Amino acid sequence: MLLNSYQVDLIEAGCDEAGRGCLAGPVFAAAVILPRDFYLEGLNDSKQLNHQQRDELRPIIEKEALAWAVAAVDHEEIDRINILNASFLAMHRAIEQLHVQPEYLVIDGNRFKAYPKIPHSCIVKGDGKYLNIAAASILAKTHRDEFMAKIAIDYPAYKWDQNKGYPTIAHRKAVIEIGLSPFHRKTFNVSNPQLSLPFEEEG
């Protein structure tokens, strides 16, 4: 069972990102502050849930959270500053948009660039341990999926409505055959799908 928060003395925001391993599109991040007694049946790491489950949980999280925000760093910024720094920047942008000021941050993963004047802890696989990080993972994932489905309309060959920009066989094959779209990350290498094991998006 996931815990409500990492600590109980300070107003805590859970943070997570989505889209780090993609070949195309932005990286999205979310920051979520939940009520102390918050509980939501089925809330878990977004990768453990299917598309329908995430879409059902998202409006409940957005309604019940004390504060939430989603932010993105686009493919051009990713190419300029690298994906790790872009992930940190997306989380910083989400945090600064919160209408309730957090006093503590819990970050999914093992690395983070400190946000000014707010202490933090990095939690490996935190989206499967704490409800606020799990909630952030769902918001980041669903908002990003929504964006990728929208831009997929103009670039159907890459099947972003299905793979969301992850390097699936179909996606890599399309890049090799027709080249990069304006939304692709130019600093990411695209391997020949015939030379490697298949990669499918998790969740």
C-alpha atoms as a PDB file:
ATOM      1  CA  MET A   1       0.000   0.000   0.000  1.00  0.00           C
ATOM      2  CA  LEU A   2       1.318   3.432  -0.929  1.00  0.00           C
ATOM      3  CA  LEU A   3       1.979   5.957   1.830  1.00  0.00           C
ATOM      4  CA  ASN A   4       0.331   9.363   1.785  1.00  0.00           C
ATOM      5  CA  SER A   5       3.590  11.313   2.098  1.00  0.00           C
ATOM      6  CA  TYR A   6       7.299  11.010   2.880  1.00  0.00           C
ATOM      7  CA  GLN A   7       7.085  13.238   5.971  1.00  0.00           C
ATOM      8  CA  VAL A   8       4.212  14.785   7.935  1.00  0.00           C
ATOM      9  CA  ASP A   9       5.497  18.092   9.303  1.00  0.00           C
ATOM     10  CA  LEU A  10       5.654  20.163   6.111  1.00  0.00           C
ATOM     11  CA  ILE A  11       3.445  20.796   3.076  1.00  0.00           C
ATOM     12  CA  GLU A  12       4.780  18.229   0.615  1.00  0.00           C
ATOM     13  CA  ALA A  13       4.612  18.084  -3.170  1.00  0.00           C
ATOM     14  CA  GLY A  14       5.283  14.892  -5.096  1.00  0.00           C
ATOM     15  CA  CYS A  15       7.024  15.320  -8.467  1.00  0.00           C
ATOM     16  CA  ASP A  16       7.491  13.048 -11.457  1.00  0.00           C
ATOM     17  CA  GLU A  17       8.124  13.274 -15.183  1.00  0.00           C
ATOM     18  CA  ALA A  18       7.055  11.458 -18.341  1.00  0.00           C
ATOM     19  CA  GLY A  19       8.729  11.102 -21.698  1.00  0.00           C
ATOM     20  CA  ARG A  20      12.429  10.969 -20.879  1.00  0.00           C
ATOM     21  CA  GLY A  21      13.058   7.944 -23.092  1.00  0.00           C
ATOM     22  CA  CYS A  22      11.093   9.182 -26.097  1.00  0.00           C
ATOM     23  CA  LEU A  23      12.474  10.028 -29.522  1.00  0.00           C
ATOM     24  CA  ALA A  24       9.973  12.811 -30.116  1.00  0.00           C
ATOM     25  CA  GLY A  25       7.944  15.399 -28.259  1.00  0.00           C
ATOM     26  CA  PRO A  26       8.441  17.251 -24.982  1.00  0.00           C
ATOM     27  CA  VAL A  27       9.224  15.868 -21.561  1.00  0.00           C
ATOM     28  CA  PHE A  28       6.353  16.625 -19.176  1.00  0.00           C
ATOM     29  CA  ALA A  29       6.461  16.885 -15.388  1.00  0.00           C
ATOM     30  CA  ALA A  30       3.849  17.282 -12.679  1.00  0.00           C
ATOM     31  CA  ALA A  31       3.870  18.457  -9.080  1.00  0.00           C
ATOM     32  CA  VAL A  32       1.001  17.466  -6.775  1.00  0.00           C
ATOM     33  CA  ILE A  33       0.082  18.379  -3.200  1.00  0.00           C
ATOM     34  CA  LEU A  34      -2.514  16.023  -1.734  1.00  0.00           C
ATOM     35  CA  PRO A  35      -4.641  16.394   1.410  1.00  0.00           C
ATOM     36  CA  ARG A  36      -3.243  14.657   4.498  1.00  0.00           C
ATOM     37  CA  ASP A  37      -6.000  12.038   4.551  1.00  0.00           C
ATOM     38  CA  PHE A  38      -6.141  11.520   0.785  1.00  0.00           C
ATOM     39  CA  TYR A  39      -6.879   8.045  -0.523  1.00  0.00           C
ATOM     40  CA  LEU A  40      -7.846   6.967  -4.017  1.00  0.00           C
ATOM     41  CA  GLU A  41      -8.573   3.359  -4.898  1.00  0.00           C
ATOM     42  CA  GLY A  42      -6.268   2.157  -7.649  1.00  0.00           C
ATOM     43  CA  LEU A  43      -3.804   5.048  -7.452  1.00  0.00           C
ATOM     44  CA  ASN A  44      -0.357   3.684  -8.276  1.00  0.00           C
ATOM     45  CA  ASP A  45       2.707   4.229 -10.419  1.00  0.00           C
ATOM     46  CA  SER A  46       1.352   5.201 -13.849  1.00  0.00           C
ATOM     47  CA  LYS A  47       3.387   2.438 -15.514  1.00  0.00           C
ATOM     48  CA  GLN A  48       1.401  -0.137 -13.527  1.00  0.00           C
ATOM     49  CA  LEU A  49      -1.887   1.148 -14.936  1.00  0.00           C
ATOM     50  CA  ASN A  50      -3.439   1.010 -18.366  1.00  0.00           C
ATOM     51  CA  HIS A  51      -4.584   3.975 -20.433  1.00  0.00           C
ATOM     52  CA  GLN A  52      -8.201   3.793 -19.272  1.00  0.00           C
ATOM     53  CA  GLN A  53      -7.250   3.541 -15.584  1.00  0.00           C
ATOM     54  CA  ARG A  54      -4.977   6.578 -15.836  1.00  0.00           C
ATOM     55  CA  ASP A  55      -7.659   8.590 -17.618  1.00  0.00           C
ATOM     56  CA  GLU A  56     -10.198   7.692 -14.919  1.00  0.00           C
ATOM     57  CA  LEU A  57      -7.851   8.686 -12.082  1.00  0.00           C
ATOM     58  CA  ARG A  58      -6.667  11.975 -13.601  1.00  0.00           C
ATOM     59  CA  PRO A  59      -9.837  14.100 -13.083  1.00  0.00           C
ATOM     60  CA  ILE A  60     -10.206  12.836  -9.509  1.00  0.00           C
ATOM     61  CA  ILE A  61      -6.610  13.795  -8.702  1.00  0.00           C
ATOM     62  CA  GLU A  62      -7.056  17.204 -10.329  1.00  0.00           C
ATOM     63  CA  LYS A  63     -10.272  17.816  -8.366  1.00  0.00           C
ATOM     64  CA  GLU A  64      -9.162  16.515  -4.972  1.00  0.00           C
ATOM     65  CA  ALA A  65      -5.548  17.738  -4.839  1.00  0.00           C
ATOM     66  CA  LEU A  66      -4.810  20.817  -2.730  1.00  0.00           C
ATOM     67  CA  ALA A  67      -2.699  21.988  -5.665  1.00  0.00           C
ATOM     68  CA  TRP A  68      -1.356  20.518  -8.890  1.00  0.00           C
ATOM     69  CA  ALA A  69       0.513  21.732 -11.951  1.00  0.00           C
ATOM     70  CA  VAL A  70       1.884  20.249 -15.162  1.00  0.00           C
ATOM     71  CA  ALA A  71       4.718  21.727 -17.226  1.00  0.00           C
ATOM     72  CA  ALA A  72       6.786  20.733 -20.244  1.00  0.00           C
ATOM     73  CA  VAL A  73      10.163  21.254 -21.878  1.00  0.00           C
ATOM     74  CA  ASP A  74      10.015  20.909 -25.645  1.00  0.00           C
ATOM     75  CA  HIS A  75      12.231  18.914 -27.996  1.00  0.00           C
ATOM     76  CA  GLU A  76      14.350  21.923 -28.950  1.00  0.00           C
ATOM     77  CA  GLU A  77      15.175  22.716 -25.326  1.00  0.00           C
ATOM     78  CA  ILE A  78      15.926  19.021 -24.739  1.00  0.00           C
ATOM     79  CA  ASP A  79      18.457  19.119 -27.581  1.00  0.00           C
ATOM     80  CA  ARG A  80      20.063  22.252 -26.115  1.00  0.00           C
ATOM     81  CA  ILE A  81      20.380  21.245 -22.455  1.00  0.00           C
ATOM     82  CA  ASN A  82      20.088  17.378 -22.587  1.00  0.00           C
ATOM     83  CA  ILE A  83      17.229  15.235 -21.374  1.00  0.00           C
ATOM     84  CA  LEU A  84      18.295  14.988 -17.728  1.00  0.00           C
ATOM     85  CA  ASN A  85      18.471  18.762 -17.293  1.00  0.00           C
ATOM     86  CA  ALA A  86      15.248  19.105 -19.265  1.00  0.00           C
ATOM     87  CA  SER A  87      13.512  16.724 -16.846  1.00  0.00           C
ATOM     88  CA  PHE A  88      14.689  18.814 -13.886  1.00  0.00           C
ATOM     89  CA  LEU A  89      13.588  22.013 -15.620  1.00  0.00           C
ATOM     90  CA  ALA A  90      10.128  20.611 -16.334  1.00  0.00           C
ATOM     91  CA  MET A  91       9.740  19.713 -12.639  1.00  0.00           C
ATOM     92  CA  HIS A  92      10.914  23.190 -11.603  1.00  0.00           C
ATOM     93  CA  ARG A  93       8.363  24.759 -13.937  1.00  0.00           C
ATOM     94  CA  ALA A  94       5.583  22.608 -12.482  1.00  0.00           C
ATOM     95  CA  ILE A  95       6.607  23.456  -8.899  1.00  0.00           C
ATOM     96  CA  GLU A  96       6.643  27.196  -9.561  1.00  0.00           C
ATOM     97  CA  GLN A  97       3.110  27.014 -10.999  1.00  0.00           C
ATOM     98  CA  LEU A  98       1.602  25.519  -7.820  1.00  0.00           C
ATOM     99  CA  HIS A  99      -0.847  27.925  -6.181  1.00  0.00           C
ATOM    100  CA  VAL A 100       0.029  26.438  -2.776  1.00  0.00           C
ATOM    101  CA  GLN A 101       3.689  26.856  -1.857  1.00  0.00           C
ATOM    102  CA  PRO A 102       5.235  23.490  -0.927  1.00  0.00           C
ATOM    103  CA  GLU A 103       7.655  23.306   1.983  1.00  0.00           C
ATOM    104  CA  TYR A 104       9.144  19.959   0.977  1.00  0.00           C
ATOM    105  CA  LEU A 105       9.546  18.082  -2.307  1.00  0.00           C
ATOM    106  CA  VAL A 106       9.697  14.364  -2.986  1.00  0.00           C
ATOM    107  CA  ILE A 107      11.129  13.498  -6.384  1.00  0.00           C
ATOM    108  CA  ASP A 108      10.775  10.211  -8.222  1.00  0.00           C
ATOM    109  CA  GLY A 109      14.232   8.889  -9.089  1.00  0.00           C
ATOM    110  CA  ASN A 110      17.744   9.250  -7.732  1.00  0.00           C
ATOM    111  CA  ARG A 111      18.768  12.696  -9.014  1.00  0.00           C
ATOM    112  CA  PHE A 112      17.376  16.225  -8.921  1.00  0.00           C
ATOM    113  CA  LYS A 113      18.628  19.779  -9.221  1.00  0.00           C
ATOM    114  CA  ALA A 114      17.590  21.474  -5.998  1.00  0.00           C
ATOM    115  CA  TYR A 115      14.702  23.892  -6.262  1.00  0.00           C
ATOM    116  CA  PRO A 116      15.517  27.236  -4.580  1.00  0.00           C
ATOM    117  CA  LYS A 117      14.725  27.360  -0.852  1.00  0.00           C
ATOM    118  CA  ILE A 118      12.725  24.102  -0.766  1.00  0.00           C
ATOM    119  CA  PRO A 119      14.374  20.947   0.643  1.00  0.00           C
ATOM    120  CA  HIS A 120      13.828  17.695  -1.197  1.00  0.00           C
ATOM    121  CA  SER A 121      14.366  13.952  -1.128  1.00  0.00           C
ATOM    122  CA  CYS A 122      14.861  11.703  -4.140  1.00  0.00           C
ATOM    123  CA  ILE A 123      12.971   8.423  -3.898  1.00  0.00           C
ATOM    124  CA  VAL A 124      13.935   5.577  -6.227  1.00  0.00           C
ATOM    125  CA  LYS A 125      10.690   4.091  -7.598  1.00  0.00           C
ATOM    126  CA  GLY A 126       8.872   6.665  -5.496  1.00  0.00           C
ATOM    127  CA  ASP A 127       5.832   6.525  -7.780  1.00  0.00           C
ATOM    128  CA  GLY A 128       5.182   3.053  -6.378  1.00  0.00           C
ATOM    129  CA  LYS A 129       5.709   4.136  -2.747  1.00  0.00           C
ATOM    130  CA  TYR A 130       4.024   7.507  -2.197  1.00  0.00           C
ATOM    131  CA  LEU A 131       0.593   8.670  -3.317  1.00  0.00           C
ATOM    132  CA  ASN A 132       1.681  12.219  -4.170  1.00  0.00           C
ATOM    133  CA  ILE A 133       4.427  10.979  -6.521  1.00  0.00           C
ATOM    134  CA  ALA A 134       2.051   8.410  -8.035  1.00  0.00           C
ATOM    135  CA  ALA A 135      -0.475  11.195  -8.627  1.00  0.00           C
ATOM    136  CA  ALA A 136       2.225  13.307 -10.282  1.00  0.00           C
ATOM    137  CA  SER A 137       3.232  10.390 -12.476  1.00  0.00           C
ATOM    138  CA  ILE A 138      -0.353   9.988 -13.698  1.00  0.00           C
ATOM    139  CA  LEU A 139      -0.799  13.690 -14.455  1.00  0.00           C
ATOM    140  CA  ALA A 140       2.531  13.948 -16.277  1.00  0.00           C
ATOM    141  CA  LYS A 141       1.801  10.806 -18.282  1.00  0.00           C
ATOM    142  CA  THR A 142      -1.792  11.635 -19.251  1.00  0.00           C
ATOM    143  CA  HIS A 143      -1.070  15.245 -20.169  1.00  0.00           C
ATOM    144  CA  ARG A 144       1.867  14.146 -22.305  1.00  0.00           C
ATOM    145  CA  ASP A 145      -0.123  11.348 -23.970  1.00  0.00           C
ATOM    146  CA  GLU A 146      -2.818  13.891 -24.805  1.00  0.00           C
ATOM    147  CA  PHE A 147      -0.245  16.200 -26.413  1.00  0.00           C
ATOM    148  CA  MET A 148       1.316  13.389 -28.467  1.00  0.00           C
ATOM    149  CA  ALA A 149      -2.087  12.198 -29.698  1.00  0.00           C
ATOM    150  CA  LYS A 150      -2.836  15.753 -30.827  1.00  0.00           C
ATOM    151  CA  ILE A 151       0.366  16.206 -32.854  1.00  0.00           C
ATOM    152  CA  ALA A 152       0.022  12.663 -34.244  1.00  0.00           C
ATOM    153  CA  ILE A 153      -2.883  13.913 -36.380  1.00  0.00           C
ATOM    154  CA  ASP A 154      -0.441  15.860 -38.563  1.00  0.00           C
ATOM    155  CA  TYR A 155       2.262  13.153 -38.554  1.00  0.00           C
ATOM    156  CA  PRO A 156       0.389   9.826 -38.742  1.00  0.00           C
ATOM    157  CA  ALA A 157       3.320   7.819 -40.137  1.00  0.00           C
ATOM    158  CA  TYR A 158       5.091   7.794 -36.759  1.00  0.00           C
ATOM    159  CA  LYS A 159       2.042   6.367 -34.935  1.00  0.00           C
ATOM    160  CA  TRP A 160       2.473   8.683 -31.939  1.00  0.00           C
ATOM    161  CA  ASP A 161      -1.154   8.108 -31.010  1.00  0.00           C
ATOM    162  CA  GLN A 162      -0.048   4.546 -30.178  1.00  0.00           C
ATOM    163  CA  ASN A 163       3.608   4.785 -29.103  1.00  0.00           C
ATOM    164  CA  LYS A 164       3.527   8.348 -27.683  1.00  0.00           C
ATOM    165  CA  GLY A 165       6.986   8.982 -29.101  1.00  0.00           C
ATOM    166  CA  TYR A 166       8.728   6.000 -27.518  1.00  0.00           C
ATOM    167  CA  PRO A 167      11.199   4.067 -29.721  1.00  0.00           C
ATOM    168  CA  THR A 168       8.969   1.188 -30.729  1.00  0.00           C
ATOM    169  CA  ILE A 169       9.850  -0.829 -33.822  1.00  0.00           C
ATOM    170  CA  ALA A 170       7.193   0.966 -35.890  1.00  0.00           C
ATOM    171  CA  HIS A 171       8.385   4.384 -34.756  1.00  0.00           C
ATOM    172  CA  ARG A 172      12.071   3.697 -35.456  1.00  0.00           C
ATOM    173  CA  LYS A 173      11.233   2.148 -38.809  1.00  0.00           C
ATOM    174  CA  ALA A 174       9.276   5.264 -39.808  1.00  0.00           C
ATOM    175  CA  VAL A 175      12.174   7.534 -38.818  1.00  0.00           C
ATOM    176  CA  ILE A 176      14.639   5.459 -40.847  1.00  0.00           C
ATOM    177  CA  GLU A 177      12.339   5.373 -43.882  1.00  0.00           C
ATOM    178  CA  ILE A 178      11.007   8.949 -43.968  1.00  0.00           C
ATOM    179  CA  GLY A 179      13.337  10.890 -41.686  1.00  0.00           C
ATOM    180  CA  LEU A 180      12.750  13.093 -38.667  1.00  0.00           C
ATOM    181  CA  SER A 181       9.669  15.207 -38.069  1.00  0.00           C
ATOM    182  CA  PRO A 182       9.857  18.762 -36.676  1.00  0.00           C
ATOM    183  CA  PHE A 183       9.030  17.291 -33.235  1.00  0.00           C
ATOM    184  CA  HIS A 184      11.878  14.772 -33.063  1.00  0.00           C
ATOM    185  CA  ARG A 185      14.784  15.190 -30.663  1.00  0.00           C
ATOM    186  CA  LYS A 186      17.774  15.527 -32.968  1.00  0.00           C
ATOM    187  CA  THR A 187      20.300  14.542 -30.280  1.00  0.00           C
ATOM    188  CA  PHE A 188      18.653  11.122 -29.803  1.00  0.00           C
ATOM    189  CA  ASN A 189      20.023   8.238 -31.855  1.00  0.00           C
ATOM    190  CA  VAL A 190      17.545   6.070 -33.736  1.00  0.00           C
ATOM    191  CA  SER A 191      18.715   2.484 -34.031  1.00  0.00           C
ATOM    192  CA  ASN A 192      17.670   0.141 -36.809  1.00  0.00           C
ATOM    193  CA  PRO A 193      14.823  -1.980 -35.384  1.00  0.00           C
ATOM    194  CA  GLN A 194      16.210  -5.050 -37.190  1.00  0.00           C
ATOM    195  CA  LEU A 195      19.426  -4.845 -35.198  1.00  0.00           C
ATOM    196  CA  SER A 196      18.004  -4.644 -31.670  1.00  0.00           C
ATOM    197  CA  LEU A 197      15.433  -6.140 -29.382  1.00  0.00           C
ATOM    198  CA  PRO A 198      11.948  -4.650 -29.572  1.00  0.00           C
ATOM    199  CA  PHE A 199      11.178  -1.782 -27.241  1.00  0.00           C
ATOM    200  CA  GLU A 200       7.603  -1.048 -26.355  1.00  0.00           C
ATOM    201  CA  GLU A 201       6.319   1.698 -24.131  1.00  0.00           C
ATOM    202  CA  GLU A 202       5.677   0.565 -20.582  1.00  0.00           C
ATOM    203  CA  GLY A 203       2.133   1.042 -19.439  1.00  0.00           C
END
